[in-house]
Amino acid sequence: MSVGKSKYYLVAADALPEVFVKVVEAKSLLETGEARTVADAVERVDLSRSAFYKYKDSISPFRDMKRDTVMTFHMLLHDKPGTLAAVLSIFTESGANILTINQSIPANGAALVTISVVPDTMIKTSDELMASLIAQNGVMKVEIMAG
């Protein structure tokens, strides 16, 4: 392999040597704050620190490769109690991971709302999600801004 050019492979976790799976588990413990130090993380997954440091930059869960995928929805909602909650329920039912919610101060009976989601866990297509949002009582307008 030439210097500076890495090759990547998509491999099922059960086909990997156990050390790689443990490295990913340790990295997850550190990212979520469940482990405060590398020493704590590797102890929890029964892995040596040297193996962790050797492989930590070489393996990542597949979901991490899609981390930049974000969908942003721009909506105009009626200023009525429960409208935003109903919209958020639609996102929850779709399986989308909500990253941000921004709502402007309502004016003339309506509020602009922007919701950004990571769609990699969605059980609905973006078209199905849009249809559900548009059909929701109190939703005046929906656009996908990015994604």
Protein backbone atom coordinates (compact mmCIF):
# COMPACT_ATOMS: atom_id res chain seq x y z
CA MET A 1 0.00 0.00 0.00
CA SER A 2 1.38 3.43 -0.86
CA VAL A 3 1.98 5.99 1.87
CA GLY A 4 -0.93 8.40 2.38
CA LYS A 5 -3.52 6.24 0.59
CA SER A 6 -5.66 4.18 2.92
CA LYS A 7 -8.01 1.45 1.81
CA TYR A 8 -11.27 0.86 3.63
CA TYR A 9 -13.42 -2.24 3.94
CA LEU A 10 -16.93 -2.74 5.28
CA VAL A 11 -16.84 -5.89 7.41
CA ALA A 12 -19.53 -7.46 9.62
CA ALA A 13 -18.67 -7.11 13.31
CA ASP A 14 -18.91 -10.86 13.92
CA ALA A 15 -16.15 -11.42 11.33
CA LEU A 16 -13.70 -9.09 13.08
CA PRO A 17 -11.09 -10.18 15.62
CA GLU A 18 -12.35 -9.49 19.13
CA VAL A 19 -9.72 -6.79 19.71
CA PHE A 20 -11.33 -4.51 17.10
CA VAL A 21 -14.80 -4.89 18.60
CA LYS A 22 -13.40 -4.07 22.04
CA VAL A 23 -11.63 -0.97 20.71
CA VAL A 24 -14.94 0.30 19.30
CA GLU A 25 -16.69 -0.45 22.61
CA ALA A 26 -13.99 1.43 24.54
CA LYS A 27 -14.23 4.42 22.18
CA SER A 28 -17.99 4.46 22.67
CA LEU A 29 -17.60 4.49 26.46
CA LEU A 30 -15.28 7.48 26.16
CA GLU A 31 -17.51 9.38 23.70
CA THR A 32 -20.64 8.94 25.83
CA GLY A 33 -18.87 9.83 29.06
CA GLU A 34 -19.54 6.41 30.61
CA ALA A 35 -15.77 6.12 31.03
CA ARG A 36 -13.74 9.18 31.96
CA THR A 37 -10.30 7.87 31.02
CA VAL A 38 -8.80 5.44 28.53
CA ALA A 39 -7.64 3.30 31.45
CA ASP A 40 -11.23 3.05 32.73
CA ALA A 41 -12.66 2.30 29.27
CA VAL A 42 -10.19 -0.46 28.41
CA GLU A 43 -10.61 -2.03 31.85
CA ARG A 44 -14.37 -2.19 31.36
CA VAL A 45 -14.07 -3.99 28.01
CA ASP A 46 -11.09 -6.14 29.08
CA LEU A 47 -8.59 -4.69 26.61
CA SER A 48 -4.98 -3.58 26.99
CA ARG A 49 -4.19 0.12 26.64
CA SER A 50 -1.52 -0.67 24.06
CA ALA A 51 -4.05 -2.50 21.86
CA PHE A 52 -6.47 0.42 22.23
CA TYR A 53 -3.86 2.98 21.17
CA LYS A 54 -2.62 0.75 18.36
CA TYR A 55 -6.04 0.42 16.70
CA LYS A 56 -8.13 3.40 17.91
CA ASP A 57 -7.58 5.45 14.75
CA SER A 58 -8.05 2.48 12.43
CA ILE A 59 -11.58 1.34 13.30
CA SER A 60 -14.92 3.13 13.62
CA PRO A 61 -18.51 1.95 13.61
CA PHE A 62 -20.21 2.26 10.24
CA ARG A 63 -22.59 4.91 11.61
CA ASP A 64 -19.61 7.22 12.16
CA MET A 65 -18.90 7.19 8.43
CA LYS A 66 -22.32 8.75 7.90
CA ARG A 67 -22.02 11.33 10.69
CA ASP A 68 -22.13 14.28 8.27
CA THR A 69 -25.57 13.29 7.01
CA VAL A 70 -28.02 15.82 8.46
CA MET A 71 -31.49 16.76 7.25
CA THR A 72 -32.83 20.19 8.19
CA PHE A 73 -36.56 20.89 8.07
CA HIS A 74 -37.88 24.44 7.91
CA MET A 75 -41.53 24.74 9.00
CA LEU A 76 -44.19 27.33 9.57
CA LEU A 77 -46.49 26.30 12.43
CA HIS A 78 -49.70 27.78 13.81
CA ASP A 79 -49.12 29.30 17.23
CA LYS A 80 -51.37 26.89 19.11
CA PRO A 81 -50.56 24.81 22.20
CA GLY A 82 -49.38 21.32 21.29
CA THR A 83 -48.49 21.98 17.65
CA LEU A 84 -44.73 21.74 18.15
CA ALA A 85 -45.16 18.72 20.44
CA ALA A 86 -47.19 16.96 17.73
CA VAL A 87 -44.49 17.72 15.15
CA LEU A 88 -41.78 16.39 17.45
CA SER A 89 -43.84 13.22 17.95
CA ILE A 90 -43.79 12.67 14.19
CA PHE A 91 -39.99 12.86 14.20
CA THR A 92 -39.84 10.50 17.17
CA GLU A 93 -42.14 7.97 15.48
CA SER A 94 -39.98 8.12 12.35
CA GLY A 95 -36.90 7.12 14.36
CA ALA A 96 -34.99 10.29 13.45
CA ASN A 97 -32.35 11.48 15.90
CA ILE A 98 -33.11 15.17 16.57
CA LEU A 99 -29.98 17.32 16.77
CA THR A 100 -31.42 20.84 17.05
CA ILE A 101 -34.75 22.60 17.42
CA ASN A 102 -35.00 26.33 16.81
CA GLN A 103 -38.27 28.23 17.11
CA SER A 104 -38.76 31.91 16.46
CA ILE A 105 -41.03 34.07 18.57
CA PRO A 106 -44.53 33.72 17.07
CA ALA A 107 -45.81 36.61 14.97
CA ASN A 108 -49.22 36.92 13.35
CA GLY A 109 -50.29 33.57 14.77
CA ALA A 110 -47.41 31.57 13.30
CA ALA A 111 -43.87 30.57 14.26
CA LEU A 112 -40.93 29.52 12.15
CA VAL A 113 -39.35 26.27 13.37
CA THR A 114 -36.15 24.64 12.14
CA ILE A 115 -35.42 21.05 13.12
CA SER A 116 -32.21 19.24 12.18
CA VAL A 117 -32.07 15.45 12.36
CA VAL A 118 -29.70 12.59 11.66
CA PRO A 119 -31.72 10.26 9.44
CA ASP A 120 -29.58 7.11 9.74
CA THR A 121 -31.95 5.53 12.30
CA MET A 122 -35.16 6.51 10.52
CA ILE A 123 -37.73 3.79 9.85
CA LYS A 124 -39.63 6.05 7.43
CA THR A 125 -38.39 7.53 4.18
CA SER A 126 -37.94 11.30 3.99
CA ASP A 127 -40.99 11.44 1.68
CA GLU A 128 -43.11 9.59 4.26
CA LEU A 129 -41.86 11.91 6.98
CA MET A 130 -42.68 14.99 4.88
CA ALA A 131 -46.18 13.63 4.17
CA SER A 132 -46.78 13.06 7.89
CA LEU A 133 -45.60 16.56 8.74
CA ILE A 134 -47.73 18.20 6.04
CA ALA A 135 -50.79 16.24 7.18
CA GLN A 136 -50.34 17.32 10.81
CA ASN A 137 -52.93 19.82 12.03
CA GLY A 138 -51.25 23.19 12.66
CA VAL A 139 -48.45 22.73 10.13
CA MET A 140 -48.77 25.41 7.47
CA LYS A 141 -45.61 24.78 5.45
CA VAL A 142 -42.67 22.32 5.40
CA GLU A 143 -39.43 22.41 3.40
CA ILE A 144 -36.27 20.34 3.57
CA MET A 145 -33.43 22.83 3.67
CA ALA A 146 -30.54 20.33 3.58
CA GLY A 147 -30.03 16.62 3.39
